[in-house]
Amino acid sequence: MAVEKVGEKYRCNVCGNEVTVTEAGGGILVCFGEDMEKIS
């Protein structure tokens, strides 16, 4: 899922790491070789 806007939150389903988007530029967030899941 591509990053669309500031404030979105994503979680890694492998390690549990969570990130909040502070600057949207498109692209896909990846952790441990897996796409991160959007949680809000």
C-alpha atoms as a PDB file:
ATOM      1  CA  MET A   1       0.000   0.000   0.000  1.00  0.00           C
ATOM      2  CA  ALA A   2       1.465   3.346  -1.049  1.00  0.00           C
ATOM      3  CA  VAL A   3       1.935   6.178   1.439  1.00  0.00           C
ATOM      4  CA  GLU A   4      -0.629   8.867   0.647  1.00  0.00           C
ATOM      5  CA  LYS A   5      -0.646  11.514   3.398  1.00  0.00           C
ATOM      6  CA  VAL A   6       1.013  12.816   6.544  1.00  0.00           C
ATOM      7  CA  GLY A   7      -0.281  11.215   9.738  1.00  0.00           C
ATOM      8  CA  GLU A   8      -0.870   7.716   8.389  1.00  0.00           C
ATOM      9  CA  LYS A   9       0.386   4.922  10.648  1.00  0.00           C
ATOM     10  CA  TYR A  10       1.892   1.615   9.569  1.00  0.00           C
ATOM     11  CA  ARG A  11       2.918  -1.550  11.432  1.00  0.00           C
ATOM     12  CA  CYS A  12       5.358  -4.331  10.596  1.00  0.00           C
ATOM     13  CA  ASN A  13       3.669  -7.712  11.025  1.00  0.00           C
ATOM     14  CA  VAL A  14       7.065  -9.380  11.593  1.00  0.00           C
ATOM     15  CA  CYS A  15       8.676  -7.275  14.354  1.00  0.00           C
ATOM     16  CA  GLY A  16       5.795  -5.022  15.470  1.00  0.00           C
ATOM     17  CA  ASN A  17       7.602  -1.789  14.582  1.00  0.00           C
ATOM     18  CA  GLU A  18       5.169   1.119  14.045  1.00  0.00           C
ATOM     19  CA  VAL A  19       5.800   4.306  12.073  1.00  0.00           C
ATOM     20  CA  THR A  20       3.891   7.534  11.517  1.00  0.00           C
ATOM     21  CA  VAL A  21       4.290   9.336   8.189  1.00  0.00           C
ATOM     22  CA  THR A  22       5.776  12.826   8.641  1.00  0.00           C
ATOM     23  CA  GLU A  23       6.411  13.566   4.961  1.00  0.00           C
ATOM     24  CA  ALA A  24       4.408  11.904   2.191  1.00  0.00           C
ATOM     25  CA  GLY A  25       6.227  11.192  -1.032  1.00  0.00           C
ATOM     26  CA  GLY A  26       4.559   8.055  -2.286  1.00  0.00           C
ATOM     27  CA  GLY A  27       6.245   4.690  -2.279  1.00  0.00           C
ATOM     28  CA  ILE A  28       5.732   1.681  -0.050  1.00  0.00           C
ATOM     29  CA  LEU A  29       7.052   1.196   3.485  1.00  0.00           C
ATOM     30  CA  VAL A  30       8.902  -2.112   3.906  1.00  0.00           C
ATOM     31  CA  CYS A  31      10.281  -3.822   7.025  1.00  0.00           C
ATOM     32  CA  PHE A  32      11.945  -7.271   7.115  1.00  0.00           C
ATOM     33  CA  GLY A  33      11.288  -7.530   3.371  1.00  0.00           C
ATOM     34  CA  GLU A  34       7.497  -7.298   3.839  1.00  0.00           C
ATOM     35  CA  ASP A  35       5.149  -4.404   3.056  1.00  0.00           C
ATOM     36  CA  MET A  36       4.027  -2.664   6.242  1.00  0.00           C
ATOM     37  CA  GLU A  37       0.306  -2.754   7.099  1.00  0.00           C
ATOM     38  CA  LYS A  38      -1.620   0.528   7.301  1.00  0.00           C
ATOM     39  CA  ILE A  39      -3.302   0.777  10.728  1.00  0.00           C
ATOM     40  CA  SER A  40      -4.798   4.291  10.534  1.00  0.00           C
END
